[in-house]
Amino acid sequence: MTIAAGIDIGNSTTEVLLARVGRGEVDVLADATAPTRRSKGSAESLDGAVSLLRRLERRSGLSVEVAVAAPLRPVDTAATTLPEPEQTTGRLRLVASGSRTVGGEGSGIGRPVLVNGHALSVDGSDAVVAVVPRGVAYQAVLEPLRALASGGRLMAVVMAEDEAVLLGNRLAGRVPVIDEVPTDQMLDAVRVAAEVRPAGTPLRDLADPLQLVAQLGLRETDRADAARLSARLRDASNAVIALSEVMPAAEVSPAAWFEIDSADGRRCLLLASENDALRDAPVGAAHAYGLPPAVSRRKVDDLFAVDLGVVADTVVARSGAQRSRAVALSMLHADSPYRDPGDALADRLGVAVQTVASEATAARAGGISTPGAEQTALVVDIGGGTIDVVAAGENVVAAGGGQLLTISVAALTGATPAAAEWVKRGPAVRVETPHLLLGEDGSREFLDRPAGRETVGSLAVRGPAGLLPFDRTHAPGEWRALRLRLKADALGANVARAVRTLNERPTTVVLVGGPVGDDEVLASVARALPSGVAVGRGNAAGMLGHRYGVAYGLLLSLLRS
């Protein structure tokens, strides 16, 4: 019997098994897992694997005589945040919406007038909207504004500084005051409209296209633009709109794109309905992409992306909850091929290291050792960077895995990637008070010890050191819908894409890999596959669980050799 090590270096984590191998048996003696150092296949990742193995040797009192590993290929996963695609609104322009601090209440429309603390003389007797630029405090403009208000001419105030509450409390009447507005974009307008409603109350006038047409005196050609703009304000409680004399020139921003095999060889935009082409096309169809600002062409062997704006739109997230549109991508770059780690590991370990043909074949060997799995079962290895779908004689390796989910959660919530690793795993709660948690299903939980003050009013999950706050924008039920949809799009749809590429119609699918421990991921994959397919979590050798499928498969390869 030989003491052997199965070393599985992944994009996110590294797993090592120690076993006695021989006489047709693999007797597992010890196991360990740790985060992968740097990128998969790097010198640091090999050093980390060796360190983990040495730790197992010390713990078990054994010395490895031979090791086995698989070829390594890194996957790059990233998120790029782009401005929300603007619908053309002609002469109308949304200057600001959703300011966190406002004063007064109601709506007002008028000619924009600069009020900067100097002597003020406003010609005419028409209604005006005061524009207070950056660097001007409310005390400097209070008296001129009071004079305009007493004459019945002041309809609203928009200001750059965060002083709307202070100013609104000192103006007579209910003049709407909105702050943190880019005032430099307003003085060339012919009319400005502003509206403030109580927090959580939707706008009435600016969200009504007929009111916009009537009160701004719009032309018939502006009617469709008014409808498009007002639709963006239905969940806002304050907003500022500017009307120009002529339609401003459109700003052209660099677009994110990918190239995909098609009849016309066209480029597809990542921020468009064309993004569905990645979901529908086979693995390997995408062969290049470009991201702003450089938009330089980068070749890939496969690419998968998730438009997080579409995810939010699909579950009817509140307008304004996502202030920009992020796209999460996983890329198998053409200039990062598979590398054999055998010699480098052998040098570090001082023992012979065998390299199997592929990680996918090891995953299959470990996966079908699951009790209840058929020998003809399809094995799906959901790793940190790739999804490997493996049949008896062939396999497909698709870009995208657990890291794509992590970075998508981080982009949607504003959490750090480290926090997103915990956030993505399951249900969250909102900390209503230091002693009360509100669940996603409306349930309430009372705490014996008060939660930290930083968590109150935030969504939170239970992390390694207690409640981990991560989001103050979404409601608990809204976040649940977003999270489940994200898992369906980032993982379920990608598994279905790879299965279609393999042209398999399985009756049984065995899932292995770290992300499979998430019950919601298991359900997302099952829903993405045809009805009647038995989808289950792997349990290598009937005792090692889902995470060690590849490492156990590597050890099994020693029996064949």
Protein backbone atom coordinates (compact mmCIF):
# COMPACT_ATOMS: atom_id res chain seq x y z
CA MET A 1 0.00 0.00 0.00
CA THR A 2 1.27 3.46 -0.94
CA ILE A 3 0.63 6.71 0.92
CA ALA A 4 -0.62 9.04 -1.79
CA ALA A 5 -1.93 12.59 -1.99
CA GLY A 6 -4.66 13.85 -4.33
CA ILE A 7 -4.06 17.58 -4.88
CA ASP A 8 -6.91 19.62 -6.37
CA ILE A 9 -5.86 23.24 -6.92
CA GLY A 10 -8.93 25.28 -7.87
CA ASN A 11 -9.58 28.88 -8.75
CA SER A 12 -11.05 29.57 -5.30
CA THR A 13 -9.97 26.76 -2.98
CA THR A 14 -7.44 23.93 -2.80
CA GLU A 15 -8.38 20.47 -1.53
CA VAL A 16 -5.93 17.73 -0.52
CA LEU A 17 -6.67 14.12 0.41
CA LEU A 18 -4.21 11.67 1.99
CA ALA A 19 -4.92 7.97 1.40
CA ARG A 20 -3.48 4.49 1.30
CA VAL A 21 -3.74 3.33 -2.29
CA GLY A 22 -3.25 -0.21 -3.54
CA ARG A 23 -4.84 -3.66 -4.00
CA GLY A 24 -7.69 -2.02 -5.84
CA GLU A 25 -8.63 0.21 -2.92
CA VAL A 26 -8.35 3.85 -1.88
CA ASP A 27 -8.50 4.25 1.91
CA VAL A 28 -8.79 7.96 2.72
CA LEU A 29 -6.93 8.91 5.89
CA ALA A 30 -7.07 12.71 6.08
CA ASP A 31 -8.45 15.72 4.23
CA ALA A 32 -8.04 19.48 4.28
CA THR A 33 -9.09 22.55 2.31
CA ALA A 34 -7.82 26.13 2.17
CA PRO A 35 -8.24 29.20 -0.06
CA THR A 36 -6.06 29.07 -3.18
CA ARG A 37 -3.18 31.52 -3.09
CA ARG A 38 -3.18 33.99 -5.99
CA SER A 39 -4.31 32.62 -9.37
CA LYS A 40 -4.71 28.94 -10.16
CA GLY A 41 -1.45 27.52 -11.51
CA SER A 42 0.73 30.33 -10.16
CA ALA A 43 3.82 29.56 -8.08
CA GLU A 44 1.96 30.86 -5.04
CA SER A 45 -0.92 28.45 -5.62
CA LEU A 46 1.52 25.52 -5.77
CA ASP A 47 3.24 26.70 -2.59
CA GLY A 48 -0.13 26.88 -0.87
CA ALA A 49 -1.01 23.33 -1.91
CA VAL A 50 2.32 22.01 -0.63
CA SER A 51 1.84 23.87 2.67
CA LEU A 52 -1.62 22.32 3.04
CA LEU A 53 -0.22 18.85 2.34
CA ARG A 54 2.59 19.28 4.87
CA ARG A 55 0.00 20.27 7.45
CA LEU A 56 -1.91 17.06 6.75
CA GLU A 57 1.28 15.01 7.09
CA ARG A 58 2.02 16.52 10.49
CA ARG A 59 -1.53 16.02 11.66
CA SER A 60 -1.72 12.39 10.54
CA GLY A 61 1.87 11.36 11.22
CA LEU A 62 2.20 10.07 7.64
CA SER A 63 4.64 10.84 4.83
CA VAL A 64 3.50 11.07 1.23
CA GLU A 65 5.21 8.74 -1.22
CA VAL A 66 3.46 9.84 -4.41
CA ALA A 67 1.08 12.62 -5.39
CA VAL A 68 -1.31 13.18 -8.26
CA ALA A 69 -2.67 16.43 -9.71
CA ALA A 70 -4.47 17.73 -12.79
CA PRO A 71 -3.47 20.29 -15.46
CA LEU A 72 -4.16 23.82 -14.27
CA ARG A 73 -5.70 26.76 -16.09
CA PRO A 74 -6.67 30.07 -14.45
CA VAL A 75 -9.99 31.80 -15.10
CA ASP A 76 -10.34 35.57 -14.87
CA THR A 77 -13.53 36.87 -13.27
CA ALA A 78 -14.34 40.56 -13.10
CA ALA A 79 -17.17 43.04 -12.93
CA THR A 80 -17.32 46.22 -14.95
CA THR A 81 -19.74 48.95 -13.98
CA LEU A 82 -21.20 51.04 -16.75
CA PRO A 83 -23.67 53.95 -16.69
CA GLU A 84 -27.26 52.84 -16.86
CA PRO A 85 -28.18 52.86 -20.58
CA GLU A 86 -29.96 56.16 -21.17
CA GLN A 87 -33.17 56.24 -23.12
CA THR A 88 -33.37 59.29 -25.31
CA THR A 89 -35.58 61.96 -23.74
CA GLY A 90 -35.06 64.72 -26.29
CA ARG A 91 -35.12 68.22 -24.83
CA LEU A 92 -35.92 66.87 -21.37
CA ARG A 93 -33.10 65.88 -19.04
CA LEU A 94 -33.24 64.19 -15.65
CA VAL A 95 -30.73 66.19 -13.62
CA ALA A 96 -31.12 64.42 -10.28
CA SER A 97 -33.40 62.05 -8.39
CA GLY A 98 -33.46 60.27 -5.05
CA SER A 99 -31.52 62.85 -3.02
CA ARG A 100 -31.13 61.56 0.53
CA THR A 101 -31.83 64.92 2.19
CA VAL A 102 -34.48 67.36 1.00
CA GLY A 103 -36.47 70.26 2.41
CA GLY A 104 -39.99 71.50 1.94
CA GLU A 105 -42.60 69.65 -0.06
CA GLY A 106 -44.56 69.95 -3.30
CA SER A 107 -43.55 70.75 -6.86
CA GLY A 108 -42.51 73.84 -8.71
CA ILE A 109 -41.58 74.90 -12.24
CA GLY A 110 -39.79 78.03 -13.34
CA ARG A 111 -36.95 79.73 -15.11
CA PRO A 112 -33.54 78.83 -13.57
CA VAL A 113 -31.89 81.77 -11.80
CA LEU A 114 -28.39 81.74 -10.31
CA VAL A 115 -28.36 82.69 -6.63
CA ASN A 116 -24.80 82.85 -5.29
CA GLY A 117 -24.91 85.24 -2.36
CA HIS A 118 -24.14 88.38 -4.33
CA ALA A 119 -26.63 91.19 -4.95
CA LEU A 120 -29.64 89.64 -6.68
CA SER A 121 -31.88 91.31 -9.20
CA VAL A 122 -34.28 89.06 -11.06
CA ASP A 123 -35.96 90.64 -14.07
CA GLY A 124 -39.62 90.12 -14.86
CA SER A 125 -42.40 88.75 -12.74
CA ASP A 126 -42.35 85.10 -13.85
CA ALA A 127 -41.83 82.06 -11.64
CA VAL A 128 -38.24 81.04 -10.99
CA VAL A 129 -36.26 78.09 -9.64
CA ALA A 130 -33.24 79.21 -7.62
CA VAL A 131 -29.95 77.48 -8.47
CA VAL A 132 -27.37 77.63 -5.66
CA PRO A 133 -23.92 76.51 -6.89
CA ARG A 134 -21.22 74.59 -5.04
CA GLY A 135 -19.28 76.54 -2.44
CA VAL A 136 -22.20 78.79 -1.50
CA ALA A 137 -23.62 78.22 1.98
CA TYR A 138 -27.31 78.50 2.74
CA GLN A 139 -26.78 81.52 5.05
CA ALA A 140 -25.50 83.57 2.10
CA VAL A 141 -28.62 83.04 0.01
CA LEU A 142 -31.32 82.92 2.68
CA GLU A 143 -32.39 86.57 2.51
CA PRO A 144 -32.48 86.79 -1.33
CA LEU A 145 -34.55 83.61 -1.42
CA ARG A 146 -36.94 84.92 1.22
CA ALA A 147 -37.43 88.03 -0.89
CA LEU A 148 -38.28 85.92 -3.96
CA ALA A 149 -40.61 83.76 -1.90
CA SER A 150 -42.46 86.74 -0.40
CA GLY A 151 -43.07 88.03 -3.92
CA GLY A 152 -44.60 84.67 -4.90
CA ARG A 153 -41.96 83.99 -7.53
CA LEU A 154 -39.85 81.25 -5.86
CA MET A 155 -41.13 77.85 -6.98
CA ALA A 156 -38.23 75.64 -5.89
CA VAL A 157 -34.57 75.63 -4.85
CA VAL A 158 -31.87 73.28 -6.13
CA MET A 159 -28.44 73.43 -4.54
CA ALA A 160 -25.09 71.69 -4.84
CA GLU A 161 -24.24 71.60 -1.13
CA ASP A 162 -25.82 69.17 1.35
CA GLU A 163 -27.93 71.82 3.11
CA ALA A 164 -31.50 71.30 1.87
CA VAL A 165 -32.94 70.62 5.33
CA LEU A 166 -31.26 73.67 6.86
CA LEU A 167 -32.51 75.94 4.10
CA GLY A 168 -35.98 74.43 3.82
CA ASN A 169 -36.63 74.91 7.54
CA ARG A 170 -35.90 78.63 7.19
CA LEU A 171 -38.05 79.37 4.15
CA ALA A 172 -41.69 80.24 4.68
CA GLY A 173 -44.27 78.01 3.01
CA ARG A 174 -43.61 74.62 1.47
CA VAL A 175 -41.01 75.44 -1.19
CA PRO A 176 -39.32 72.21 -2.35
CA VAL A 177 -35.55 72.23 -1.77
CA ILE A 178 -33.29 69.53 -3.23
CA ASP A 179 -29.56 69.30 -2.60
CA GLU A 180 -26.53 67.46 -4.01
CA VAL A 181 -27.64 68.49 -7.50
CA PRO A 182 -25.11 69.09 -10.33
CA THR A 183 -26.15 72.73 -10.70
CA ASP A 184 -23.68 73.43 -13.51
CA GLN A 185 -25.98 71.45 -15.83
CA MET A 186 -29.01 73.64 -15.26
CA LEU A 187 -28.39 77.29 -16.08
CA ASP A 188 -28.63 76.74 -19.84
CA ALA A 189 -32.16 75.30 -19.46
CA VAL A 190 -35.26 77.30 -20.36
CA ARG A 191 -37.34 75.72 -17.59
CA VAL A 192 -36.59 73.62 -14.51
CA ALA A 193 -39.07 71.43 -12.63
CA ALA A 194 -38.50 70.10 -9.11
CA GLU A 195 -40.67 68.00 -6.83
CA VAL A 196 -40.33 66.72 -3.25
CA ARG A 197 -42.63 64.21 -1.57
CA PRO A 198 -42.30 62.53 1.85
CA ALA A 199 -39.76 59.71 1.97
CA GLY A 200 -41.21 56.53 0.50
CA THR A 201 -44.02 58.42 -1.26
CA PRO A 202 -43.83 58.40 -5.08
CA LEU A 203 -43.79 61.56 -7.14
CA ARG A 204 -47.11 62.80 -8.49
CA ASP A 205 -46.37 65.56 -11.00
CA LEU A 206 -42.98 64.69 -12.51
CA ALA A 207 -43.92 60.99 -12.78
CA ASP A 208 -47.04 61.93 -14.80
CA PRO A 209 -46.25 62.57 -18.49
CA LEU A 210 -49.46 64.55 -19.00
CA GLN A 211 -48.51 66.89 -16.15
CA LEU A 212 -45.09 67.35 -17.74
CA VAL A 213 -46.61 68.18 -21.10
CA ALA A 214 -49.06 70.68 -19.60
CA GLN A 215 -46.88 72.39 -16.99
CA LEU A 216 -43.71 72.63 -19.09
CA GLY A 217 -45.62 73.63 -22.20
CA LEU A 218 -44.07 70.83 -24.21
CA ARG A 219 -44.47 70.42 -27.94
CA GLU A 220 -46.33 67.47 -29.40
CA THR A 221 -42.98 66.05 -30.52
CA ASP A 222 -41.88 65.98 -26.85
CA ARG A 223 -44.75 63.77 -25.67
CA ALA A 224 -42.97 60.42 -26.10
CA ASP A 225 -39.85 61.83 -24.40
CA ALA A 226 -41.98 62.93 -21.44
CA ALA A 227 -43.40 59.40 -21.17
CA ARG A 228 -39.94 57.82 -21.17
CA LEU A 229 -38.57 60.22 -18.57
CA SER A 230 -41.55 60.04 -16.20
CA ALA A 231 -41.38 56.22 -16.26
CA ARG A 232 -37.93 56.45 -14.65
CA LEU A 233 -39.33 58.40 -11.70
CA ARG A 234 -42.18 56.20 -10.54
CA ASP A 235 -40.29 54.98 -7.48
CA ALA A 236 -38.55 58.26 -6.67
CA SER A 237 -39.71 60.70 -3.97
CA ASN A 238 -37.76 63.72 -5.28
CA ALA A 239 -36.36 64.77 -8.64
CA VAL A 240 -35.16 67.67 -10.77
CA ILE A 241 -35.85 67.94 -14.52
CA ALA A 242 -34.44 70.50 -16.98
CA LEU A 243 -35.97 71.51 -20.32
CA SER A 244 -33.63 72.78 -23.04
CA GLU A 245 -34.56 74.87 -26.05
CA VAL A 246 -32.99 72.35 -28.40
CA MET A 247 -32.11 68.67 -28.05
CA PRO A 248 -28.60 68.34 -26.53
CA ALA A 249 -25.96 66.36 -28.40
CA ALA A 250 -25.88 62.74 -27.30
CA GLU A 251 -22.83 61.59 -25.34
CA VAL A 252 -21.21 58.54 -26.85
CA SER A 253 -19.51 56.24 -24.34
CA PRO A 254 -17.32 53.24 -25.17
CA ALA A 255 -19.43 50.10 -25.24
CA ALA A 256 -18.66 46.71 -23.76
CA TRP A 257 -18.91 44.02 -26.45
CA PHE A 258 -18.14 40.44 -27.31
CA GLU A 259 -17.67 38.56 -30.57
CA ILE A 260 -19.55 35.34 -31.05
CA ASP A 261 -19.71 32.78 -33.85
CA SER A 262 -22.72 33.67 -35.97
CA ALA A 263 -23.77 33.85 -39.59
CA ASP A 264 -22.80 37.52 -39.87
CA GLY A 265 -19.89 37.44 -37.41
CA ARG A 266 -21.25 40.52 -35.68
CA ARG A 267 -20.23 42.03 -32.38
CA CYS A 268 -22.84 41.93 -29.62
CA LEU A 269 -23.23 44.48 -26.85
CA LEU A 270 -22.96 43.21 -23.29
CA LEU A 271 -25.61 45.73 -22.19
CA ALA A 272 -28.44 44.73 -24.50
CA SER A 273 -30.87 41.96 -25.27
CA GLU A 274 -28.01 40.63 -27.43
CA ASN A 275 -26.43 39.44 -24.17
CA ASP A 276 -28.82 36.48 -24.36
CA ALA A 277 -26.62 35.22 -27.19
CA LEU A 278 -24.07 34.05 -24.59
CA ARG A 279 -26.69 32.05 -22.74
CA ASP A 280 -28.07 30.45 -25.91
CA ALA A 281 -24.80 29.79 -27.74
CA PRO A 282 -22.65 26.69 -27.10
CA VAL A 283 -19.56 26.83 -24.91
CA GLY A 284 -16.66 28.25 -26.94
CA ALA A 285 -18.79 30.30 -29.32
CA ALA A 286 -17.53 33.60 -27.88
CA HIS A 287 -13.97 34.21 -29.04
CA ALA A 288 -13.17 37.83 -28.11
CA TYR A 289 -14.42 40.75 -26.04
CA GLY A 290 -13.64 44.36 -25.17
CA LEU A 291 -14.36 46.42 -22.07
CA PRO A 292 -14.19 50.20 -21.61
CA PRO A 293 -12.34 52.43 -21.32
CA ALA A 294 -9.71 50.88 -23.62
CA VAL A 295 -12.12 48.47 -25.39
CA SER A 296 -9.10 46.61 -26.73
CA ARG A 297 -9.77 43.20 -28.27
CA ARG A 298 -8.91 40.22 -26.03
CA LYS A 299 -9.15 36.65 -27.35
CA VAL A 300 -10.91 33.99 -25.29
CA ASP A 301 -11.72 30.31 -25.58
CA ASP A 302 -14.96 30.90 -23.71
CA LEU A 303 -16.81 33.77 -22.06
CA PHE A 304 -19.89 33.97 -19.88
CA ALA A 305 -21.49 37.14 -18.53
CA VAL A 306 -24.38 38.19 -16.34
CA ASP A 307 -26.01 41.60 -16.85
CA LEU A 308 -26.92 42.53 -13.29
CA GLY A 309 -29.27 45.26 -14.47
CA VAL A 310 -31.35 42.64 -16.24
CA VAL A 311 -31.35 40.55 -13.06
CA ALA A 312 -32.72 43.53 -11.12
CA ASP A 313 -35.28 44.38 -13.80
CA THR A 314 -36.52 40.80 -13.96
CA VAL A 315 -37.50 40.72 -10.30
CA VAL A 316 -39.01 44.24 -10.53
CA ALA A 317 -36.51 45.84 -8.20
CA ARG A 318 -37.37 49.41 -7.33
CA SER A 319 -36.34 52.02 -9.87
CA GLY A 320 -33.19 53.67 -8.61
CA ALA A 321 -32.16 50.74 -6.40
CA GLN A 322 -29.42 50.07 -8.97
CA ARG A 323 -27.73 53.37 -9.78
CA SER A 324 -25.53 51.87 -12.45
CA ARG A 325 -25.48 48.74 -14.52
CA ALA A 326 -22.83 46.19 -13.75
CA VAL A 327 -21.83 43.21 -15.86
CA ALA A 328 -20.00 40.29 -14.26
CA LEU A 329 -17.81 38.20 -16.58
CA SER A 330 -15.75 35.03 -16.47
CA MET A 331 -13.15 34.56 -19.19
CA LEU A 332 -10.98 31.65 -20.31
CA HIS A 333 -8.31 33.71 -22.02
CA ALA A 334 -6.70 32.19 -25.08
CA ASP A 335 -3.23 33.24 -23.91
CA SER A 336 -3.60 31.30 -20.61
CA PRO A 337 -3.53 27.62 -21.62
CA TYR A 338 -3.45 24.54 -19.39
CA ARG A 339 -0.14 23.89 -17.63
CA ASP A 340 1.19 20.65 -16.16
CA PRO A 341 2.08 21.28 -12.48
CA GLY A 342 3.73 17.86 -12.03
CA ASP A 343 7.39 18.87 -12.18
CA ALA A 344 6.95 22.01 -10.08
CA LEU A 345 5.07 20.09 -7.38
CA ALA A 346 7.60 17.26 -7.47
CA ASP A 347 10.43 19.74 -6.88
CA ARG A 348 8.61 21.18 -3.87
CA LEU A 349 7.51 17.83 -2.40
CA GLY A 350 10.52 15.70 -3.17
CA VAL A 351 8.32 12.81 -4.39
CA ALA A 352 7.00 11.74 -7.78
CA VAL A 353 3.89 13.61 -8.95
CA GLN A 354 1.67 12.17 -11.65
CA THR A 355 -0.59 14.38 -13.79
CA VAL A 356 -3.91 13.03 -15.06
CA ALA A 357 -5.32 13.88 -18.48
CA SER A 358 -7.77 16.46 -17.18
CA GLU A 359 -9.47 17.75 -14.05
CA ALA A 360 -12.82 16.93 -15.62
CA THR A 361 -12.07 13.20 -15.83
CA ALA A 362 -11.06 13.19 -12.17
CA ALA A 363 -14.29 14.98 -11.27
CA ARG A 364 -16.28 12.29 -13.06
CA ALA A 365 -14.47 9.47 -11.30
CA GLY A 366 -15.10 11.07 -7.92
CA GLY A 367 -18.67 12.07 -8.73
CA ILE A 368 -19.94 8.65 -9.80
CA SER A 369 -18.62 7.14 -6.57
CA THR A 370 -21.63 8.83 -4.96
CA PRO A 371 -24.11 6.29 -3.56
CA GLY A 372 -27.19 6.16 -5.76
CA ALA A 373 -25.40 7.52 -8.85
CA GLU A 374 -25.52 5.54 -12.09
CA GLN A 375 -22.34 4.78 -13.99
CA THR A 376 -23.93 6.64 -16.92
CA ALA A 377 -24.66 9.71 -14.79
CA LEU A 378 -23.56 13.13 -15.96
CA VAL A 379 -21.15 14.76 -13.49
CA VAL A 380 -21.15 18.55 -13.17
CA ASP A 381 -18.21 20.07 -11.31
CA ILE A 382 -19.07 23.63 -10.29
CA GLY A 383 -15.78 25.19 -9.31
CA GLY A 384 -14.73 28.72 -8.49
CA GLY A 385 -13.85 29.62 -12.08
CA THR A 386 -15.33 26.97 -14.39
CA ILE A 387 -18.19 24.54 -14.74
CA ASP A 388 -17.08 21.14 -16.04
CA VAL A 389 -19.80 18.90 -17.47
CA VAL A 390 -18.47 15.36 -17.89
CA ALA A 391 -20.03 12.38 -19.63
CA ALA A 392 -18.53 8.90 -20.01
CA GLY A 393 -16.39 9.77 -23.02
CA GLU A 394 -16.29 13.55 -23.37
CA ASN A 395 -16.53 16.79 -21.42
CA VAL A 396 -17.11 20.51 -21.75
CA VAL A 397 -15.36 23.20 -19.68
CA ALA A 398 -17.33 26.45 -19.46
CA ALA A 399 -16.12 29.76 -18.06
CA GLY A 400 -18.01 30.85 -14.96
CA GLY A 401 -18.55 29.40 -11.49
CA GLY A 402 -18.65 30.38 -7.86
CA GLN A 403 -16.43 33.43 -8.32
CA LEU A 404 -18.86 34.81 -10.90
CA LEU A 405 -21.62 34.56 -8.29
CA THR A 406 -19.44 36.19 -5.64
CA ILE A 407 -18.46 39.15 -7.76
CA SER A 408 -22.06 39.58 -8.93
CA VAL A 409 -23.31 39.73 -5.34
CA ALA A 410 -20.59 42.26 -4.50
CA ALA A 411 -21.57 44.44 -7.47
CA LEU A 412 -25.30 44.32 -6.65
CA THR A 413 -24.92 45.11 -2.95
CA GLY A 414 -21.73 47.15 -2.72
CA ALA A 415 -20.22 44.54 -0.38
CA THR A 416 -16.55 43.60 -0.55
CA PRO A 417 -15.74 40.30 -2.31
CA ALA A 418 -14.77 38.82 1.07
CA ALA A 419 -18.16 39.76 2.55
CA ALA A 420 -19.95 38.62 -0.61
CA GLU A 421 -18.59 35.10 -0.03
CA TRP A 422 -20.83 34.96 3.05
CA VAL A 423 -23.69 37.03 1.66
CA LYS A 424 -24.24 34.76 -1.36
CA ARG A 425 -24.75 31.59 0.64
CA GLY A 426 -28.35 31.93 1.74
CA PRO A 427 -31.08 33.91 3.49
CA ALA A 428 -30.45 37.30 5.05
CA VAL A 429 -32.23 39.29 7.74
CA ARG A 430 -32.81 42.98 8.25
CA VAL A 431 -31.80 44.33 11.63
CA GLU A 432 -34.89 46.36 12.57
CA THR A 433 -33.69 47.24 16.09
CA PRO A 434 -30.73 46.05 18.17
CA HIS A 435 -32.93 43.21 19.45
CA LEU A 436 -35.19 42.45 16.44
CA LEU A 437 -34.40 40.73 13.14
CA LEU A 438 -36.84 40.59 10.21
CA GLY A 439 -36.51 37.55 7.96
CA GLU A 440 -37.01 37.31 4.21
CA ASP A 441 -40.29 35.48 4.80
CA GLY A 442 -41.58 38.11 7.25
CA SER A 443 -40.66 36.12 10.34
CA ARG A 444 -39.26 37.90 13.38
CA GLU A 445 -36.40 36.85 15.62
CA PHE A 446 -35.60 38.40 18.98
CA LEU A 447 -31.96 38.55 20.07
CA ASP A 448 -30.75 37.90 23.61
CA ARG A 449 -27.80 40.22 23.02
CA PRO A 450 -28.12 43.49 21.08
CA ALA A 451 -26.75 43.64 17.55
CA GLY A 452 -23.99 46.12 16.81
CA ARG A 453 -25.13 49.65 16.01
CA GLU A 454 -23.54 49.41 12.55
CA THR A 455 -26.00 46.65 11.62
CA VAL A 456 -29.25 48.46 12.52
CA GLY A 457 -31.31 49.24 9.42
CA SER A 458 -29.16 46.99 7.23
CA LEU A 459 -29.52 43.59 5.65
CA ALA A 460 -27.16 41.17 7.34
CA VAL A 461 -26.04 37.55 7.29
CA ARG A 462 -24.41 35.53 10.01
CA GLY A 463 -20.69 35.66 9.29
CA PRO A 464 -17.60 34.36 11.05
CA ALA A 465 -17.79 37.06 13.74
CA GLY A 466 -21.53 37.52 14.14
CA LEU A 467 -23.99 39.56 12.07
CA LEU A 468 -22.34 40.90 8.91
CA PRO A 469 -24.16 43.97 7.46
CA PHE A 470 -24.00 44.37 3.71
CA ASP A 471 -26.88 46.37 2.19
CA ARG A 472 -29.20 49.25 3.14
CA THR A 473 -30.96 49.61 -0.21
CA HIS A 474 -33.00 46.43 -0.64
CA ALA A 475 -35.85 45.05 1.42
CA PRO A 476 -35.40 41.46 2.68
CA GLY A 477 -37.91 39.95 0.25
CA GLU A 478 -36.48 41.97 -2.63
CA TRP A 479 -32.96 40.74 -1.87
CA ARG A 480 -34.18 37.14 -1.74
CA ALA A 481 -35.70 37.49 -5.21
CA LEU A 482 -32.52 39.09 -6.55
CA ARG A 483 -30.27 36.42 -5.01
CA LEU A 484 -32.28 33.50 -6.37
CA ARG A 485 -32.51 35.06 -9.82
CA LEU A 486 -28.77 35.71 -9.76
CA LYS A 487 -28.01 32.08 -8.95
CA ALA A 488 -30.32 30.98 -11.75
CA ASP A 489 -28.59 33.26 -14.28
CA ALA A 490 -24.97 32.88 -13.13
CA LEU A 491 -24.95 29.14 -12.41
CA GLY A 492 -28.16 27.41 -13.52
CA ALA A 493 -28.16 28.92 -17.01
CA ASN A 494 -24.44 28.23 -17.42
CA VAL A 495 -24.84 24.56 -16.48
CA ALA A 496 -27.71 24.26 -18.98
CA ARG A 497 -25.51 25.88 -21.66
CA ALA A 498 -22.73 23.36 -21.05
CA VAL A 499 -25.12 20.38 -21.04
CA ARG A 500 -26.56 21.53 -24.39
CA THR A 501 -23.05 21.88 -25.79
CA LEU A 502 -22.30 18.28 -24.81
CA ASN A 503 -25.57 17.27 -26.50
CA GLU A 504 -26.45 15.03 -23.58
CA ARG A 505 -29.94 14.11 -22.33
CA PRO A 506 -29.09 12.81 -18.88
CA THR A 507 -31.43 11.06 -16.49
CA THR A 508 -29.10 11.61 -13.52
CA VAL A 509 -26.83 14.57 -12.77
CA VAL A 510 -24.33 14.52 -9.91
CA LEU A 511 -23.10 17.92 -8.72
CA VAL A 512 -19.67 18.30 -7.11
CA GLY A 513 -17.56 21.31 -6.16
CA GLY A 514 -17.56 23.91 -3.41
CA PRO A 515 -20.60 25.98 -4.48
CA VAL A 516 -22.77 22.85 -4.47
CA GLY A 517 -22.98 23.06 -0.69
CA ASP A 518 -25.44 25.94 -1.20
CA ASP A 519 -28.98 24.48 -1.28
CA GLU A 520 -30.17 27.38 -3.47
CA VAL A 521 -27.51 26.54 -6.08
CA LEU A 522 -28.69 22.94 -6.15
CA ALA A 523 -32.26 24.10 -6.75
CA SER A 524 -31.18 26.61 -9.44
CA VAL A 525 -29.38 23.92 -11.43
CA ALA A 526 -32.29 21.49 -11.07
CA ARG A 527 -34.73 24.11 -12.42
CA ALA A 528 -32.45 24.87 -15.38
CA LEU A 529 -32.47 21.24 -16.56
CA PRO A 530 -35.42 19.36 -18.10
CA SER A 531 -38.15 18.08 -15.83
CA GLY A 532 -37.58 14.52 -14.64
CA VAL A 533 -33.79 14.71 -14.44
CA ALA A 534 -32.57 13.50 -11.04
CA VAL A 535 -30.18 16.19 -9.79
CA GLY A 536 -28.30 15.44 -6.58
CA ARG A 537 -25.31 16.53 -4.55
CA GLY A 538 -22.20 14.40 -4.84
CA ASN A 539 -20.75 12.44 -1.93
CA ALA A 540 -17.40 11.08 -3.06
CA ALA A 541 -16.70 7.57 -1.75
CA GLY A 542 -19.95 7.83 0.17
CA MET A 543 -18.30 9.86 2.95
CA LEU A 544 -16.25 12.80 1.61
CA GLY A 545 -19.10 15.05 0.49
CA HIS A 546 -19.32 17.24 -2.59
CA ARG A 547 -16.12 19.25 -2.18
CA TYR A 548 -13.59 16.43 -2.59
CA GLY A 549 -14.89 14.90 -5.84
CA VAL A 550 -11.84 15.89 -7.91
CA ALA A 551 -9.28 15.04 -5.22
CA TYR A 552 -10.80 11.58 -4.74
CA GLY A 553 -10.96 11.06 -8.50
CA LEU A 554 -7.26 11.88 -8.69
CA LEU A 555 -6.50 9.14 -6.16
CA LEU A 556 -8.64 6.66 -8.09
CA SER A 557 -6.49 7.32 -11.17
CA LEU A 558 -3.53 5.80 -9.32
CA LEU A 559 -5.35 2.45 -9.25
CA ARG A 560 -5.61 2.47 -13.03
CA SER A 561 -1.96 3.46 -13.45
